[in-house]
Amino acid sequence: MTATPPDRLSIYPDSPFYDHDALSRGIGVRFNGQEKTNVEEYCLSEGWIRVAAGRAVDRNGRPMTLKLKGPVEVWFRDDAEKDTGAADPQVSSQEGKPS
């Protein structure tokens, strides 16, 4: 497994940029300083993301998308949880309390 996410990634299996291993690890995306959870595709080198545009769908039943350009940051979520120790928040909240 690599430590860096791919330059371009899509959530659709028929796309040439689909990577099951990377998606199973979980990808975090920050666009223009805000974390996004509705990203369908991104490209780091070109600086864009694709997000759903309302409830409209195309002829294949997929949501219509908007291509937004700006600074994009991506990371693996499982690496972020290991670094911060946020994998089990209940354990940290119970420490130091008398029984």
N, C-alpha and C. Protein backbone atom coordinates (compact mmCIF):
# COMPACT_ATOMS: atom_id res chain seq x y z
N MET A 1 0.83 -1.18 0.00
CA MET A 1 0.00 0.00 0.00
C MET A 1 0.88 1.24 0.00
N THR A 2 0.46 2.22 -0.75
CA THR A 2 1.21 3.47 -0.82
C THR A 2 0.73 4.43 0.26
N ALA A 3 1.58 5.38 0.57
CA ALA A 3 1.26 6.35 1.61
C ALA A 3 0.53 7.56 1.05
N THR A 4 0.55 7.74 -0.27
CA THR A 4 -0.12 8.89 -0.87
C THR A 4 -1.29 8.42 -1.73
N PRO A 5 -2.38 9.15 -1.70
CA PRO A 5 -3.53 8.81 -2.54
C PRO A 5 -3.21 9.04 -4.02
N PRO A 6 -3.97 8.43 -4.92
CA PRO A 6 -3.72 8.63 -6.35
C PRO A 6 -3.99 10.07 -6.78
N ASP A 7 -3.36 10.48 -7.88
CA ASP A 7 -3.54 11.83 -8.41
C ASP A 7 -4.97 12.06 -8.86
N ARG A 8 -5.59 11.04 -9.42
CA ARG A 8 -6.97 11.15 -9.89
C ARG A 8 -7.73 9.91 -9.47
N LEU A 9 -8.96 10.09 -8.98
CA LEU A 9 -9.74 8.97 -8.47
C LEU A 9 -11.22 9.21 -8.74
N SER A 10 -11.92 8.13 -9.10
CA SER A 10 -13.35 8.17 -9.36
C SER A 10 -14.03 7.09 -8.54
N ILE A 11 -15.30 7.31 -8.18
CA ILE A 11 -16.04 6.31 -7.40
C ILE A 11 -16.75 5.30 -8.28
N TYR A 12 -16.73 5.49 -9.61
CA TYR A 12 -17.46 4.61 -10.52
C TYR A 12 -16.55 3.49 -11.05
N PRO A 13 -16.97 2.22 -10.89
CA PRO A 13 -16.13 1.08 -11.30
C PRO A 13 -15.81 1.03 -12.79
N ASP A 14 -16.63 1.62 -13.65
CA ASP A 14 -16.33 1.57 -15.08
C ASP A 14 -15.38 2.68 -15.54
N SER A 15 -14.95 3.53 -14.62
CA SER A 15 -14.01 4.60 -14.94
C SER A 15 -12.58 4.06 -14.95
N PRO A 16 -11.72 4.57 -15.84
CA PRO A 16 -10.31 4.14 -15.81
C PRO A 16 -9.57 4.64 -14.57
N PHE A 17 -10.15 5.58 -13.83
CA PHE A 17 -9.51 6.13 -12.63
C PHE A 17 -10.07 5.53 -11.35
N TYR A 18 -10.80 4.44 -11.44
CA TYR A 18 -11.36 3.76 -10.28
C TYR A 18 -10.27 2.92 -9.62
N ASP A 19 -10.16 2.98 -8.30
CA ASP A 19 -9.19 2.18 -7.55
C ASP A 19 -9.86 1.67 -6.28
N HIS A 20 -10.23 0.39 -6.30
CA HIS A 20 -10.96 -0.19 -5.18
C HIS A 20 -10.16 -0.15 -3.88
N ASP A 21 -8.87 -0.44 -3.96
CA ASP A 21 -8.04 -0.46 -2.75
C ASP A 21 -7.98 0.91 -2.08
N ALA A 22 -7.82 1.95 -2.88
CA ALA A 22 -7.76 3.31 -2.32
C ALA A 22 -9.10 3.70 -1.72
N LEU A 23 -10.19 3.37 -2.39
CA LEU A 23 -11.52 3.73 -1.87
C LEU A 23 -11.85 2.95 -0.60
N SER A 24 -11.39 1.70 -0.50
CA SER A 24 -11.68 0.91 0.69
C SER A 24 -10.93 1.45 1.92
N ARG A 25 -9.80 2.10 1.70
CA ARG A 25 -9.07 2.73 2.80
C ARG A 25 -9.76 4.00 3.27
N GLY A 26 -10.54 4.61 2.41
CA GLY A 26 -11.21 5.87 2.74
C GLY A 26 -10.38 7.06 2.32
N ILE A 27 -10.98 7.96 1.59
CA ILE A 27 -10.29 9.15 1.10
C ILE A 27 -10.95 10.39 1.69
N GLY A 28 -10.15 11.26 2.25
CA GLY A 28 -10.64 12.56 2.70
C GLY A 28 -10.29 13.61 1.67
N VAL A 29 -11.21 14.52 1.38
CA VAL A 29 -10.99 15.55 0.37
C VAL A 29 -11.29 16.92 0.98
N ARG A 30 -10.36 17.84 0.83
CA ARG A 30 -10.56 19.22 1.24
C ARG A 30 -10.46 20.08 -0.01
N PHE A 31 -11.50 20.87 -0.27
CA PHE A 31 -11.56 21.73 -1.45
C PHE A 31 -11.79 23.16 -0.98
N ASN A 32 -10.90 24.06 -1.39
CA ASN A 32 -10.96 25.47 -0.98
C ASN A 32 -11.04 25.61 0.54
N GLY A 33 -10.33 24.77 1.25
CA GLY A 33 -10.27 24.86 2.71
C GLY A 33 -11.41 24.20 3.45
N GLN A 34 -12.39 23.60 2.74
CA GLN A 34 -13.51 22.94 3.40
C GLN A 34 -13.51 21.46 3.06
N GLU A 35 -13.73 20.63 4.07
CA GLU A 35 -13.79 19.19 3.84
C GLU A 35 -15.10 18.83 3.14
N LYS A 36 -14.99 18.06 2.09
CA LYS A 36 -16.15 17.66 1.28
C LYS A 36 -16.38 16.16 1.43
N THR A 37 -17.65 15.77 1.53
CA THR A 37 -18.00 14.35 1.64
C THR A 37 -18.79 13.87 0.44
N ASN A 38 -19.11 14.75 -0.50
CA ASN A 38 -19.94 14.38 -1.65
C ASN A 38 -19.17 14.38 -2.97
N VAL A 39 -17.86 14.18 -2.93
CA VAL A 39 -17.02 14.22 -4.13
C VAL A 39 -17.13 12.88 -4.86
N GLU A 40 -17.41 12.95 -6.17
CA GLU A 40 -17.51 11.74 -6.99
C GLU A 40 -16.23 11.46 -7.75
N GLU A 41 -15.45 12.49 -8.03
CA GLU A 41 -14.18 12.34 -8.73
C GLU A 41 -13.32 13.55 -8.40
N TYR A 42 -11.99 13.36 -8.38
CA TYR A 42 -11.10 14.49 -8.16
C TYR A 42 -9.84 14.31 -8.99
N CYS A 43 -9.13 15.41 -9.21
CA CYS A 43 -7.82 15.39 -9.85
C CYS A 43 -6.94 16.42 -9.16
N LEU A 44 -5.88 15.95 -8.53
CA LEU A 44 -4.98 16.84 -7.81
C LEU A 44 -4.17 17.72 -8.76
N SER A 45 -3.58 17.12 -9.79
CA SER A 45 -2.68 17.87 -10.67
C SER A 45 -3.41 18.96 -11.45
N GLU A 46 -4.67 18.73 -11.80
CA GLU A 46 -5.43 19.74 -12.54
C GLU A 46 -6.24 20.65 -11.62
N GLY A 47 -6.40 20.28 -10.35
CA GLY A 47 -7.06 21.13 -9.36
C GLY A 47 -8.57 21.23 -9.54
N TRP A 48 -9.28 20.09 -9.58
CA TRP A 48 -10.73 20.12 -9.68
C TRP A 48 -11.35 18.92 -8.98
N ILE A 49 -12.65 19.08 -8.66
CA ILE A 49 -13.46 17.99 -8.13
C ILE A 49 -14.78 17.97 -8.87
N ARG A 50 -15.46 16.84 -8.85
CA ARG A 50 -16.81 16.72 -9.40
C ARG A 50 -17.75 16.38 -8.25
N VAL A 51 -18.83 17.16 -8.14
CA VAL A 51 -19.84 16.93 -7.11
C VAL A 51 -21.21 16.87 -7.77
N ALA A 52 -22.15 16.19 -7.11
CA ALA A 52 -23.51 16.06 -7.63
C ALA A 52 -24.19 17.42 -7.68
N ALA A 53 -24.99 17.63 -8.73
CA ALA A 53 -25.72 18.89 -8.92
C ALA A 53 -27.20 18.65 -8.66
N GLY A 54 -27.59 18.67 -7.42
CA GLY A 54 -28.99 18.48 -7.07
C GLY A 54 -29.46 17.05 -7.30
N ARG A 55 -30.75 16.92 -7.69
CA ARG A 55 -31.34 15.60 -7.87
C ARG A 55 -31.39 15.16 -9.33
N ALA A 56 -30.92 15.97 -10.24
CA ALA A 56 -30.96 15.64 -11.66
C ALA A 56 -30.04 14.45 -11.95
N VAL A 57 -30.50 13.56 -12.83
CA VAL A 57 -29.71 12.39 -13.21
C VAL A 57 -29.55 12.35 -14.73
N ASP A 58 -28.49 11.70 -15.19
CA ASP A 58 -28.28 11.56 -16.62
C ASP A 58 -29.00 10.31 -17.13
N ARG A 59 -28.82 9.97 -18.38
CA ARG A 59 -29.55 8.84 -18.96
C ARG A 59 -29.11 7.49 -18.42
N ASN A 60 -27.97 7.44 -17.73
CA ASN A 60 -27.51 6.20 -17.11
C ASN A 60 -27.95 6.09 -15.65
N GLY A 61 -28.64 7.09 -15.15
CA GLY A 61 -29.13 7.07 -13.78
C GLY A 61 -28.15 7.64 -12.76
N ARG A 62 -27.03 8.16 -13.22
CA ARG A 62 -26.05 8.78 -12.33
C ARG A 62 -26.39 10.24 -12.14
N PRO A 63 -26.02 10.80 -10.99
CA PRO A 63 -26.29 12.23 -10.76
C PRO A 63 -25.52 13.10 -11.76
N MET A 64 -26.15 14.19 -12.18
CA MET A 64 -25.45 15.19 -12.98
C MET A 64 -24.41 15.84 -12.07
N THR A 65 -23.25 16.16 -12.61
CA THR A 65 -22.17 16.68 -11.78
C THR A 65 -21.72 18.05 -12.24
N LEU A 66 -21.14 18.77 -11.29
CA LEU A 66 -20.49 20.05 -11.55
C LEU A 66 -19.00 19.87 -11.34
N LYS A 67 -18.21 20.47 -12.22
CA LYS A 67 -16.76 20.44 -12.08
C LYS A 67 -16.34 21.76 -11.44
N LEU A 68 -15.81 21.68 -10.23
CA LEU A 68 -15.39 22.86 -9.50
C LEU A 68 -13.87 22.92 -9.48
N LYS A 69 -13.31 24.08 -9.82
CA LYS A 69 -11.85 24.24 -9.87
C LYS A 69 -11.36 25.03 -8.67
N GLY A 70 -10.23 24.59 -8.13
CA GLY A 70 -9.63 25.25 -6.98
C GLY A 70 -8.61 24.33 -6.34
N PRO A 71 -8.03 24.74 -5.22
CA PRO A 71 -7.03 23.92 -4.54
C PRO A 71 -7.68 22.67 -3.92
N VAL A 72 -7.07 21.52 -4.19
CA VAL A 72 -7.59 20.23 -3.71
C VAL A 72 -6.52 19.56 -2.85
N GLU A 73 -6.92 19.07 -1.69
CA GLU A 73 -6.04 18.28 -0.82
C GLU A 73 -6.73 16.95 -0.56
N VAL A 74 -5.99 15.85 -0.61
CA VAL A 74 -6.56 14.54 -0.32
C VAL A 74 -5.65 13.78 0.63
N TRP A 75 -6.23 12.87 1.40
CA TRP A 75 -5.49 12.03 2.33
C TRP A 75 -6.27 10.75 2.56
N PHE A 76 -5.57 9.74 3.05
CA PHE A 76 -6.22 8.49 3.42
C PHE A 76 -6.79 8.65 4.82
N ARG A 77 -8.05 8.33 4.99
CA ARG A 77 -8.70 8.47 6.30
C ARG A 77 -8.14 7.51 7.33
N ASP A 78 -7.78 6.30 6.93
CA ASP A 78 -7.26 5.35 7.92
C ASP A 78 -5.92 5.80 8.48
N ASP A 79 -5.09 6.50 7.69
CA ASP A 79 -3.84 7.04 8.19
C ASP A 79 -4.10 8.18 9.17
N ALA A 80 -5.09 9.01 8.89
CA ALA A 80 -5.42 10.13 9.77
C ALA A 80 -5.93 9.64 11.12
N GLU A 81 -6.69 8.55 11.13
CA GLU A 81 -7.20 8.01 12.40
C GLU A 81 -6.06 7.44 13.23
N LYS A 82 -5.08 6.81 12.60
CA LYS A 82 -3.94 6.26 13.33
C LYS A 82 -3.12 7.37 13.96
N ASP A 83 -2.93 8.48 13.22
CA ASP A 83 -2.11 9.59 13.72
C ASP A 83 -2.75 10.30 14.89
N THR A 84 -4.08 10.49 14.85
CA THR A 84 -4.75 11.25 15.89
C THR A 84 -5.28 10.37 17.02
N GLY A 85 -5.36 9.06 16.80
CA GLY A 85 -5.90 8.18 17.81
C GLY A 85 -7.40 8.28 17.92
N ALA A 86 -8.07 8.73 16.89
CA ALA A 86 -9.52 8.94 16.92
C ALA A 86 -10.29 7.70 16.52
N ALA A 87 -9.63 6.56 16.44
CA ALA A 87 -10.31 5.35 16.00
C ALA A 87 -11.37 4.90 17.01
N ASP A 88 -11.13 5.09 18.31
CA ASP A 88 -12.09 4.67 19.32
C ASP A 88 -12.30 5.80 20.33
N PRO A 89 -13.20 6.75 20.03
CA PRO A 89 -13.34 7.92 20.90
C PRO A 89 -13.89 7.60 22.28
N GLN A 90 -14.62 6.49 22.46
CA GLN A 90 -15.18 6.16 23.77
C GLN A 90 -14.09 5.77 24.76
N VAL A 91 -13.02 5.16 24.27
CA VAL A 91 -11.93 4.78 25.17
C VAL A 91 -11.29 6.02 25.76
N SER A 92 -11.04 7.04 24.93
CA SER A 92 -10.38 8.23 25.43
C SER A 92 -11.31 9.03 26.35
N SER A 93 -12.62 8.96 26.17
CA SER A 93 -13.52 9.72 27.01
C SER A 93 -13.72 9.06 28.38
N GLN A 94 -13.42 7.77 28.50
CA GLN A 94 -13.60 7.05 29.76
C GLN A 94 -12.36 7.11 30.64
N GLU A 95 -11.22 7.50 30.10
CA GLU A 95 -10.00 7.54 30.88
C GLU A 95 -10.04 8.66 31.89
N GLY A 96 -9.56 8.39 33.09
CA GLY A 96 -9.47 9.40 34.12
C GLY A 96 -10.74 9.60 34.92
N LYS A 97 -11.82 8.89 34.61
CA LYS A 97 -13.05 9.04 35.37
C LYS A 97 -13.14 7.91 36.40
N PRO A 98 -13.46 8.24 37.65
CA PRO A 98 -13.59 7.19 38.66
C PRO A 98 -14.84 6.35 38.42
N SER A 99 -14.76 5.07 38.73
CA SER A 99 -15.89 4.16 38.54
C SER A 99 -16.78 4.15 39.75
